[in-house]
Amino acid sequence: MLRRPGLGKRPVESLRRDFSFPKNDNFIIFMDTYNDQTNGFAFGVSAAGAQWDGIQADGGDVSLDWDCKWYSAIKKTMITGWQNLQFLFAVFVTRKE
């Protein structure tokens, strides 16, 4: 969970999935499931609750063509904002050593 003081009202650019990430107030997490600091999965959620996800390969940009089923929830108050992310770990593919 992310606790952020003073969340209050924020302008929202989009509520669409895979929104323009730099244009919104958001939280992102990268999962380095291959343990190579080059490939992995990215998940984000905006302060308005829009989801953003993709795959990063070869240390490049995140491809938003990949969509995974996962859950996020936003609870807003006048003082703080909470973001809760839940993942189905079966969707992650890992290499065998």
PDB file of N, CA and C in Angstrom:
ATOM      1  N   MET A   1       0.830  -1.173   0.000  1.00  0.00           N
ATOM      2  CA  MET A   1       0.000   0.000   0.000  1.00  0.00           C
ATOM      3  C   MET A   1       0.878   1.240   0.000  1.00  0.00           C
ATOM      4  N   LEU A   2       0.395   2.264  -0.620  1.00  0.00           N
ATOM      5  CA  LEU A   2       1.104   3.534  -0.686  1.00  0.00           C
ATOM      6  C   LEU A   2       0.283   4.574   0.057  1.00  0.00           C
ATOM      7  N   ARG A   3       0.897   5.221   0.996  1.00  0.00           N
ATOM      8  CA  ARG A   3       0.215   6.306   1.707  1.00  0.00           C
ATOM      9  C   ARG A   3       0.859   7.608   1.285  1.00  0.00           C
ATOM     10  N   ARG A   4       0.052   8.515   0.834  1.00  0.00           N
ATOM     11  CA  ARG A   4       0.571   9.775   0.333  1.00  0.00           C
ATOM     12  C   ARG A   4      -0.208  10.920   0.970  1.00  0.00           C
ATOM     13  N   PRO A   5       0.464  11.764   1.772  1.00  0.00           N
ATOM     14  CA  PRO A   5      -0.263  12.857   2.413  1.00  0.00           C
ATOM     15  C   PRO A   5      -0.739  13.899   1.414  1.00  0.00           C
ATOM     16  N   GLY A   6      -1.880  14.492   1.701  1.00  0.00           N
ATOM     17  CA  GLY A   6      -2.381  15.611   0.903  1.00  0.00           C
ATOM     18  C   GLY A   6      -2.856  15.247  -0.481  1.00  0.00           C
ATOM     19  N   LEU A   7      -3.430  14.079  -0.665  1.00  0.00           N
ATOM     20  CA  LEU A   7      -3.858  13.669  -2.005  1.00  0.00           C
ATOM     21  C   LEU A   7      -4.920  14.607  -2.558  1.00  0.00           C
ATOM     22  N   GLY A   8      -5.996  14.834  -1.803  1.00  0.00           N
ATOM     23  CA  GLY A   8      -7.029  15.784  -2.221  1.00  0.00           C
ATOM     24  C   GLY A   8      -7.475  15.590  -3.656  1.00  0.00           C
ATOM     25  N   LYS A   9      -7.930  16.660  -4.307  1.00  0.00           N
ATOM     26  CA  LYS A   9      -8.370  16.597  -5.704  1.00  0.00           C
ATOM     27  C   LYS A   9      -7.173  16.731  -6.636  1.00  0.00           C
ATOM     28  N   ARG A  10      -7.150  15.911  -7.672  1.00  0.00           N
ATOM     29  CA  ARG A  10      -6.086  15.933  -8.679  1.00  0.00           C
ATOM     30  C   ARG A  10      -6.720  15.935 -10.061  1.00  0.00           C
ATOM     31  N   PRO A  11      -6.134  16.658 -11.009  1.00  0.00           N
ATOM     32  CA  PRO A  11      -6.654  16.572 -12.376  1.00  0.00           C
ATOM     33  C   PRO A  11      -6.354  15.190 -12.954  1.00  0.00           C
ATOM     34  N   VAL A  12      -7.265  14.673 -13.769  1.00  0.00           N
ATOM     35  CA  VAL A  12      -7.111  13.350 -14.368  1.00  0.00           C
ATOM     36  C   VAL A  12      -7.090  13.508 -15.878  1.00  0.00           C
ATOM     37  N   GLU A  13      -6.015  13.052 -16.511  1.00  0.00           N
ATOM     38  CA  GLU A  13      -5.878  13.152 -17.963  1.00  0.00           C
ATOM     39  C   GLU A  13      -6.677  12.056 -18.663  1.00  0.00           C
ATOM     40  N   SER A  14      -6.707  10.841 -18.071  1.00  0.00           N
ATOM     41  CA  SER A  14      -7.410   9.729 -18.704  1.00  0.00           C
ATOM     42  C   SER A  14      -7.737   8.652 -17.676  1.00  0.00           C
ATOM     43  N   LEU A  15      -8.839   7.940 -17.904  1.00  0.00           N
ATOM     44  CA  LEU A  15      -9.185   6.776 -17.093  1.00  0.00           C
ATOM     45  C   LEU A  15      -9.017   5.484 -17.896  1.00  0.00           C
ATOM     46  N   ARG A  16      -8.456   5.582 -19.098  1.00  0.00           N
ATOM     47  CA  ARG A  16      -8.273   4.414 -19.959  1.00  0.00           C
ATOM     48  C   ARG A  16      -7.100   3.568 -19.484  1.00  0.00           C
ATOM     49  N   ARG A  17      -7.213   2.263 -19.742  1.00  0.00           N
ATOM     50  CA  ARG A  17      -6.105   1.357 -19.435  1.00  0.00           C
ATOM     51  C   ARG A  17      -4.893   1.759 -20.274  1.00  0.00           C
ATOM     52  N   ASP A  18      -3.716   1.594 -19.729  1.00  0.00           N
ATOM     53  CA  ASP A  18      -2.459   1.957 -20.392  1.00  0.00           C
ATOM     54  C   ASP A  18      -2.446   3.435 -20.781  1.00  0.00           C
ATOM     55  N   PHE A  19      -2.874   4.278 -19.851  1.00  0.00           N
ATOM     56  CA  PHE A  19      -2.909   5.726 -20.022  1.00  0.00           C
ATOM     57  C   PHE A  19      -1.506   6.289 -20.220  1.00  0.00           C
ATOM     58  N   SER A  20      -1.412   7.558 -20.593  1.00  0.00           N
ATOM     59  CA  SER A  20      -0.122   8.234 -20.742  1.00  0.00           C
ATOM     60  C   SER A  20       0.474   8.441 -19.351  1.00  0.00           C
ATOM     61  N   PHE A  21       1.424   7.611 -18.996  1.00  0.00           N
ATOM     62  CA  PHE A  21       1.927   7.583 -17.628  1.00  0.00           C
ATOM     63  C   PHE A  21       2.532   8.907 -17.151  1.00  0.00           C
ATOM     64  N   PRO A  22       3.350   9.599 -17.948  1.00  0.00           N
ATOM     65  CA  PRO A  22       3.959  10.846 -17.454  1.00  0.00           C
ATOM     66  C   PRO A  22       2.964  11.985 -17.226  1.00  0.00           C
ATOM     67  N   LYS A  23       1.765  11.890 -17.768  1.00  0.00           N
ATOM     68  CA  LYS A  23       0.800  12.986 -17.656  1.00  0.00           C
ATOM     69  C   LYS A  23      -0.120  12.849 -16.448  1.00  0.00           C
ATOM     70  N   ASN A  24       0.087  11.853 -15.597  1.00  0.00           N
ATOM     71  CA  ASN A  24      -0.813  11.591 -14.476  1.00  0.00           C
ATOM     72  C   ASN A  24      -0.032  11.403 -13.185  1.00  0.00           C
ATOM     73  N   ASP A  25      -0.703  11.640 -12.074  1.00  0.00           N
ATOM     74  CA  ASP A  25      -0.166  11.338 -10.757  1.00  0.00           C
ATOM     75  C   ASP A  25      -0.386   9.850 -10.544  1.00  0.00           C
ATOM     76  N   ASN A  26       0.697   9.061 -10.333  1.00  0.00           N
ATOM     77  CA  ASN A  26       0.547   7.623 -10.328  1.00  0.00           C
ATOM     78  C   ASN A  26       1.618   6.934  -9.507  1.00  0.00           C
ATOM     79  N   PHE A  27       1.494   5.632  -9.407  1.00  0.00           N
ATOM     80  CA  PHE A  27       2.439   4.769  -8.710  1.00  0.00           C
ATOM     81  C   PHE A  27       2.754   3.610  -9.642  1.00  0.00           C
ATOM     82  N   ILE A  28       4.032   3.240  -9.733  1.00  0.00           N
ATOM     83  CA  ILE A  28       4.430   2.142 -10.618  1.00  0.00           C
ATOM     84  C   ILE A  28       5.359   1.193  -9.864  1.00  0.00           C
ATOM     85  N   ILE A  29       5.283  -0.079 -10.237  1.00  0.00           N
ATOM     86  CA  ILE A  29       6.188  -1.076  -9.684  1.00  0.00           C
ATOM     87  C   ILE A  29       6.724  -1.917 -10.844  1.00  0.00           C
ATOM     88  N   PHE A  30       8.037  -2.168 -10.831  1.00  0.00           N
ATOM     89  CA  PHE A  30       8.670  -3.042 -11.813  1.00  0.00           C
ATOM     90  C   PHE A  30       9.055  -4.332 -11.108  1.00  0.00           C
ATOM     91  N   MET A  31       8.775  -5.478 -11.743  1.00  0.00           N
ATOM     92  CA  MET A  31       9.143  -6.774 -11.184  1.00  0.00           C
ATOM     93  C   MET A  31      10.188  -7.408 -12.086  1.00  0.00           C
ATOM     94  N   ASP A  32      11.384  -7.588 -11.536  1.00  0.00           N
ATOM     95  CA  ASP A  32      12.501  -8.190 -12.257  1.00  0.00           C
ATOM     96  C   ASP A  32      12.459  -9.701 -12.035  1.00  0.00           C
ATOM     97  N   THR A  33      11.509 -10.370 -12.680  1.00  0.00           N
ATOM     98  CA  THR A  33      11.284 -11.799 -12.447  1.00  0.00           C
ATOM     99  C   THR A  33      12.389 -12.680 -13.012  1.00  0.00           C
ATOM    100  N   TYR A  34      13.208 -12.142 -13.903  1.00  0.00           N
ATOM    101  CA  TYR A  34      14.322 -12.908 -14.462  1.00  0.00           C
ATOM    102  C   TYR A  34      15.616 -12.657 -13.695  1.00  0.00           C
ATOM    103  N   ASN A  35      15.601 -11.715 -12.748  1.00  0.00           N
ATOM    104  CA  ASN A  35      16.761 -11.353 -11.938  1.00  0.00           C
ATOM    105  C   ASN A  35      17.966 -10.968 -12.801  1.00  0.00           C
ATOM    106  N   ASP A  36      17.710 -10.231 -13.889  1.00  0.00           N
ATOM    107  CA  ASP A  36      18.794  -9.796 -14.768  1.00  0.00           C
ATOM    108  C   ASP A  36      18.844  -8.277 -14.929  1.00  0.00           C
ATOM    109  N   GLN A  37      17.978  -7.562 -14.238  1.00  0.00           N
ATOM    110  CA  GLN A  37      17.886  -6.101 -14.292  1.00  0.00           C
ATOM    111  C   GLN A  37      17.726  -5.583 -15.721  1.00  0.00           C
ATOM    112  N   THR A  38      17.113  -6.394 -16.580  1.00  0.00           N
ATOM    113  CA  THR A  38      16.918  -6.026 -17.980  1.00  0.00           C
ATOM    114  C   THR A  38      15.509  -6.341 -18.469  1.00  0.00           C
ATOM    115  N   ASN A  39      14.940  -7.451 -18.029  1.00  0.00           N
ATOM    116  CA  ASN A  39      13.626  -7.910 -18.480  1.00  0.00           C
ATOM    117  C   ASN A  39      12.694  -8.058 -17.287  1.00  0.00           C
ATOM    118  N   GLY A  40      11.413  -7.779 -17.509  1.00  0.00           N
ATOM    119  CA  GLY A  40      10.467  -7.945 -16.413  1.00  0.00           C
ATOM    120  C   GLY A  40       9.096  -7.389 -16.743  1.00  0.00           C
ATOM    121  N   PHE A  41       8.331  -7.160 -15.707  1.00  0.00           N
ATOM    122  CA  PHE A  41       6.950  -6.710 -15.829  1.00  0.00           C
ATOM    123  C   PHE A  41       6.779  -5.384 -15.106  1.00  0.00           C
ATOM    124  N   ALA A  42       5.898  -4.531 -15.636  1.00  0.00           N
ATOM    125  CA  ALA A  42       5.620  -3.233 -15.027  1.00  0.00           C
ATOM    126  C   ALA A  42       4.120  -3.101 -14.782  1.00  0.00           C
ATOM    127  N   PHE A  43       3.775  -2.604 -13.608  1.00  0.00           N
ATOM    128  CA  PHE A  43       2.381  -2.368 -13.238  1.00  0.00           C
ATOM    129  C   PHE A  43       2.274  -0.986 -12.629  1.00  0.00           C
ATOM    130  N   GLY A  44       1.241  -0.262 -13.014  1.00  0.00           N
ATOM    131  CA  GLY A  44       1.026   1.056 -12.441  1.00  0.00           C
ATOM    132  C   GLY A  44      -0.449   1.344 -12.280  1.00  0.00           C
ATOM    133  N   VAL A  45      -0.738   2.280 -11.415  1.00  0.00           N
ATOM    134  CA  VAL A  45      -2.116   2.717 -11.207  1.00  0.00           C
ATOM    135  C   VAL A  45      -2.093   4.220 -10.965  1.00  0.00           C
ATOM    136  N   SER A  46      -3.034   4.915 -11.595  1.00  0.00           N
ATOM    137  CA  SER A  46      -3.116   6.363 -11.412  1.00  0.00           C
ATOM    138  C   SER A  46      -3.881   6.677 -10.134  1.00  0.00           C
ATOM    139  N   ALA A  47      -3.795   7.915  -9.700  1.00  0.00           N
ATOM    140  CA  ALA A  47      -4.518   8.344  -8.503  1.00  0.00           C
ATOM    141  C   ALA A  47      -6.026   8.219  -8.690  1.00  0.00           C
ATOM    142  N   ALA A  48      -6.469   8.151  -9.952  1.00  0.00           N
ATOM    143  CA  ALA A  48      -7.896   7.992 -10.247  1.00  0.00           C
ATOM    144  C   ALA A  48      -8.296   6.522 -10.383  1.00  0.00           C
ATOM    145  N   GLY A  49      -7.320   5.594 -10.336  1.00  0.00           N
ATOM    146  CA  GLY A  49      -7.615   4.169 -10.392  1.00  0.00           C
ATOM    147  C   GLY A  49      -7.411   3.508 -11.743  1.00  0.00           C
ATOM    148  N   ALA A  50      -6.944   4.233 -12.757  1.00  0.00           N
ATOM    149  CA  ALA A  50      -6.688   3.629 -14.069  1.00  0.00           C
ATOM    150  C   ALA A  50      -5.445   2.737 -13.989  1.00  0.00           C
ATOM    151  N   GLN A  51      -5.496   1.579 -14.656  1.00  0.00           N
ATOM    152  CA  GLN A  51      -4.386   0.632 -14.629  1.00  0.00           C
ATOM    153  C   GLN A  51      -3.475   0.794 -15.839  1.00  0.00           C
ATOM    154  N   TRP A  52      -2.206   0.470 -15.633  1.00  0.00           N
ATOM    155  CA  TRP A  52      -1.172   0.538 -16.667  1.00  0.00           C
ATOM    156  C   TRP A  52      -0.290  -0.675 -16.452  1.00  0.00           C
ATOM    157  N   ASP A  53      -0.060  -1.486 -17.508  1.00  0.00           N
ATOM    158  CA  ASP A  53       0.822  -2.639 -17.358  1.00  0.00           C
ATOM    159  C   ASP A  53       1.507  -2.963 -18.672  1.00  0.00           C
ATOM    160  N   GLY A  54       2.641  -3.634 -18.564  1.00  0.00           N
ATOM    161  CA  GLY A  54       3.382  -4.002 -19.757  1.00  0.00           C
ATOM    162  C   GLY A  54       4.583  -4.864 -19.428  1.00  0.00           C
ATOM    163  N   ILE A  55       5.307  -5.224 -20.490  1.00  0.00           N
ATOM    164  CA  ILE A  55       6.516  -6.040 -20.376  1.00  0.00           C
ATOM    165  C   ILE A  55       7.707  -5.213 -20.836  1.00  0.00           C
ATOM    166  N   GLN A  56       8.794  -5.298 -20.072  1.00  0.00           N
ATOM    167  CA  GLN A  56      10.038  -4.646 -20.474  1.00  0.00           C
ATOM    168  C   GLN A  56      11.003  -5.732 -20.935  1.00  0.00           C
ATOM    169  N   ALA A  57      11.600  -5.533 -22.114  1.00  0.00           N
ATOM    170  CA  ALA A  57      12.540  -6.506 -22.662  1.00  0.00           C
ATOM    171  C   ALA A  57      13.824  -5.810 -23.083  1.00  0.00           C
ATOM    172  N   ASP A  58      14.939  -6.464 -22.857  1.00  0.00           N
ATOM    173  CA  ASP A  58      16.260  -5.970 -23.259  1.00  0.00           C
ATOM    174  C   ASP A  58      16.554  -4.571 -22.728  1.00  0.00           C
ATOM    175  N   GLY A  59      16.020  -4.225 -21.577  1.00  0.00           N
ATOM    176  CA  GLY A  59      16.302  -2.934 -20.964  1.00  0.00           C
ATOM    177  C   GLY A  59      15.685  -1.747 -21.671  1.00  0.00           C
ATOM    178  N   GLY A  60      14.787  -2.012 -22.608  1.00  0.00           N
ATOM    179  CA  GLY A  60      14.164  -0.936 -23.381  1.00  0.00           C
ATOM    180  C   GLY A  60      12.883  -0.432 -22.761  1.00  0.00           C
ATOM    181  N   ASP A  61      12.083   0.208 -23.590  1.00  0.00           N
ATOM    182  CA  ASP A  61      10.802   0.736 -23.135  1.00  0.00           C
ATOM    183  C   ASP A  61       9.840  -0.399 -22.788  1.00  0.00           C
ATOM    184  N   VAL A  62       8.837  -0.068 -22.009  1.00  0.00           N
ATOM    185  CA  VAL A  62       7.810  -1.037 -21.637  1.00  0.00           C
ATOM    186  C   VAL A  62       6.803  -1.160 -22.774  1.00  0.00           C
ATOM    187  N   SER A  63       6.568  -2.392 -23.248  1.00  0.00           N
ATOM    188  CA  SER A  63       5.566  -2.654 -24.281  1.00  0.00           C
ATOM    189  C   SER A  63       4.201  -2.777 -23.616  1.00  0.00           C
ATOM    190  N   LEU A  64       3.266  -1.934 -24.029  1.00  0.00           N
ATOM    191  CA  LEU A  64       1.925  -1.940 -23.448  1.00  0.00           C
ATOM    192  C   LEU A  64       0.976  -2.884 -24.179  1.00  0.00           C
ATOM    193  N   ASP A  65       1.492  -3.665 -25.144  1.00  0.00           N
ATOM    194  CA  ASP A  65       0.661  -4.625 -25.877  1.00  0.00           C
ATOM    195  C   ASP A  65       0.197  -5.767 -24.976  1.00  0.00           C
ATOM    196  N   TRP A  66       0.936  -6.039 -23.921  1.00  0.00           N
ATOM    197  CA  TRP A  66       0.622  -7.122 -22.989  1.00  0.00           C
ATOM    198  C   TRP A  66      -0.370  -6.615 -21.953  1.00  0.00           C
ATOM    199  N   ASP A  67      -1.462  -7.334 -21.753  1.00  0.00           N
ATOM    200  CA  ASP A  67      -2.436  -6.997 -20.715  1.00  0.00           C
ATOM    201  C   ASP A  67      -2.649  -8.220 -19.838  1.00  0.00           C
ATOM    202  N   CYS A  68      -2.581  -8.010 -18.562  1.00  0.00           N
ATOM    203  CA  CYS A  68      -2.712  -9.083 -17.586  1.00  0.00           C
ATOM    204  C   CYS A  68      -3.905  -8.791 -16.685  1.00  0.00           C
ATOM    205  N   LYS A  69      -4.520  -9.822 -16.152  1.00  0.00           N
ATOM    206  CA  LYS A  69      -5.619  -9.622 -15.206  1.00  0.00           C
ATOM    207  C   LYS A  69      -5.020  -9.433 -13.813  1.00  0.00           C
ATOM    208  N   TRP A  70      -5.227  -8.247 -13.257  1.00  0.00           N
ATOM    209  CA  TRP A  70      -4.787  -7.946 -11.902  1.00  0.00           C
ATOM    210  C   TRP A  70      -5.731  -6.917 -11.315  1.00  0.00           C
ATOM    211  N   TYR A  71      -5.623  -6.692 -10.045  1.00  0.00           N
ATOM    212  CA  TYR A  71      -6.589  -5.848  -9.355  1.00  0.00           C
ATOM    213  C   TYR A  71      -5.893  -4.697  -8.638  1.00  0.00           C
ATOM    214  N   SER A  72      -6.522  -3.559  -8.652  1.00  0.00           N
ATOM    215  CA  SER A  72      -6.030  -2.405  -7.905  1.00  0.00           C
ATOM    216  C   SER A  72      -7.225  -1.694  -7.297  1.00  0.00           C
ATOM    217  N   ALA A  73      -6.979  -0.990  -6.227  1.00  0.00           N
ATOM    218  CA  ALA A  73      -8.045  -0.238  -5.568  1.00  0.00           C
ATOM    219  C   ALA A  73      -7.475   1.070  -5.048  1.00  0.00           C
ATOM    220  N   ILE A  74      -8.240   2.103  -5.151  1.00  0.00           N
ATOM    221  CA  ILE A  74      -7.847   3.427  -4.677  1.00  0.00           C
ATOM    222  C   ILE A  74      -8.860   3.874  -3.634  1.00  0.00           C
ATOM    223  N   LYS A  75      -8.367   4.342  -2.523  1.00  0.00           N
ATOM    224  CA  LYS A  75      -9.237   4.935  -1.509  1.00  0.00           C
ATOM    225  C   LYS A  75      -8.717   6.340  -1.250  1.00  0.00           C
ATOM    226  N   LYS A  76      -9.568   7.324  -1.486  1.00  0.00           N
ATOM    227  CA  LYS A  76      -9.155   8.715  -1.316  1.00  0.00           C
ATOM    228  C   LYS A  76      -9.840   9.326  -0.105  1.00  0.00           C
ATOM    229  N   THR A  77      -9.071  10.085   0.645  1.00  0.00           N
ATOM    230  CA  THR A  77      -9.621  10.903   1.719  1.00  0.00           C
ATOM    231  C   THR A  77      -9.056  12.304   1.547  1.00  0.00           C
ATOM    232  N   MET A  78      -9.493  13.216   2.323  1.00  0.00           N
ATOM    233  CA  MET A  78      -8.984  14.587   2.218  1.00  0.00           C
ATOM    234  C   MET A  78      -7.533  14.681   2.675  1.00  0.00           C
ATOM    235  N   ILE A  79      -7.085  13.751   3.504  1.00  0.00           N
ATOM    236  CA  ILE A  79      -5.737  13.837   4.059  1.00  0.00           C
ATOM    237  C   ILE A  79      -4.773  12.888   3.362  1.00  0.00           C
ATOM    238  N   THR A  80      -5.206  11.668   3.078  1.00  0.00           N
ATOM    239  CA  THR A  80      -4.297  10.680   2.500  1.00  0.00           C
ATOM    240  C   THR A  80      -4.951   9.946   1.346  1.00  0.00           C
ATOM    241  N   GLY A  81      -4.128   9.298   0.551  1.00  0.00           N
ATOM    242  CA  GLY A  81      -4.611   8.417  -0.505  1.00  0.00           C
ATOM    243  C   GLY A  81      -3.935   7.070  -0.357  1.00  0.00           C
ATOM    244  N   TRP A  82      -4.684   6.001  -0.532  1.00  0.00           N
ATOM    245  CA  TRP A  82      -4.140   4.653  -0.436  1.00  0.00           C
ATOM    246  C   TRP A  82      -4.282   3.963  -1.783  1.00  0.00           C
ATOM    247  N   GLN A  83      -3.241   3.248  -2.186  1.00  0.00           N
ATOM    248  CA  GLN A  83      -3.309   2.440  -3.392  1.00  0.00           C
ATOM    249  C   GLN A  83      -2.962   1.013  -3.011  1.00  0.00           C
ATOM    250  N   ASN A  84      -3.766   0.073  -3.440  1.00  0.00           N
ATOM    251  CA  ASN A  84      -3.572  -1.330  -3.124  1.00  0.00           C
ATOM    252  C   ASN A  84      -3.522  -2.101  -4.437  1.00  0.00           C
ATOM    253  N   LEU A  85      -2.442  -2.853  -4.667  1.00  0.00           N
ATOM    254  CA  LEU A  85      -2.279  -3.630  -5.892  1.00  0.00           C
ATOM    255  C   LEU A  85      -2.244  -5.110  -5.530  1.00  0.00           C
ATOM    256  N   GLN A  86      -2.953  -5.939  -6.306  1.00  0.00           N
ATOM    257  CA  GLN A  86      -2.932  -7.384  -6.109  1.00  0.00           C
ATOM    258  C   GLN A  86      -2.616  -8.041  -7.447  1.00  0.00           C
ATOM    259  N   PHE A  87      -1.731  -9.028  -7.421  1.00  0.00           N
ATOM    260  CA  PHE A  87      -1.295  -9.685  -8.645  1.00  0.00           C
ATOM    261  C   PHE A  87      -1.564 -11.180  -8.567  1.00  0.00           C
ATOM    262  N   LEU A  88      -1.854 -11.772  -9.713  1.00  0.00           N
ATOM    263  CA  LEU A  88      -1.937 -13.225  -9.828  1.00  0.00           C
ATOM    264  C   LEU A  88      -0.560 -13.688 -10.289  1.00  0.00           C
ATOM    265  N   PHE A  89       0.229 -14.251  -9.397  1.00  0.00           N
ATOM    266  CA  PHE A  89       1.616 -14.560  -9.721  1.00  0.00           C
ATOM    267  C   PHE A  89       1.761 -15.666 -10.755  1.00  0.00           C
ATOM    268  N   ALA A  90       0.710 -16.381 -11.067  1.00  0.00           N
ATOM    269  CA  ALA A  90       0.768 -17.410 -12.100  1.00  0.00           C
ATOM    270  C   ALA A  90       1.023 -16.811 -13.480  1.00  0.00           C
ATOM    271  N   VAL A  91       0.816 -15.514 -13.656  1.00  0.00           N
ATOM    272  CA  VAL A  91       1.004 -14.915 -14.975  1.00  0.00           C
ATOM    273  C   VAL A  91       2.468 -14.658 -15.283  1.00  0.00           C
ATOM    274  N   PHE A  92       3.334 -14.697 -14.282  1.00  0.00           N
ATOM    275  CA  PHE A  92       4.740 -14.396 -14.510  1.00  0.00           C
ATOM    276  C   PHE A  92       5.471 -15.628 -15.010  1.00  0.00           C
ATOM    277  N   VAL A  93       6.208 -15.456 -16.078  1.00  0.00           N
ATOM    278  CA  VAL A  93       6.989 -16.536 -16.658  1.00  0.00           C
ATOM    279  C   VAL A  93       8.429 -16.353 -16.208  1.00  0.00           C
ATOM    280  N   THR A  94       9.037 -17.408 -15.723  1.00  0.00           N
ATOM    281  CA  THR A  94      10.430 -17.320 -15.295  1.00  0.00           C
ATOM    282  C   THR A  94      11.257 -18.362 -16.029  1.00  0.00           C
ATOM    283  N   ARG A  95      12.536 -18.059 -16.177  1.00  0.00           N
ATOM    284  CA  ARG A  95      13.464 -18.979 -16.826  1.00  0.00           C
ATOM    285  C   ARG A  95      13.967 -20.004 -15.825  1.00  0.00           C
ATOM    286  N   LYS A  96      14.183 -21.209 -16.286  1.00  0.00           N
ATOM    287  CA  LYS A  96      14.817 -22.221 -15.442  1.00  0.00           C
ATOM    288  C   LYS A  96      16.317 -22.063 -15.576  1.00  0.00           C
ATOM    289  N   GLU A  97      17.007 -22.145 -14.462  1.00  0.00           N
ATOM    290  CA  GLU A  97      18.476 -21.994 -14.452  1.00  0.00           C
ATOM    291  C   GLU A  97      19.135 -23.258 -14.962  1.00  0.00           C
TER     292      GLU A  97
END
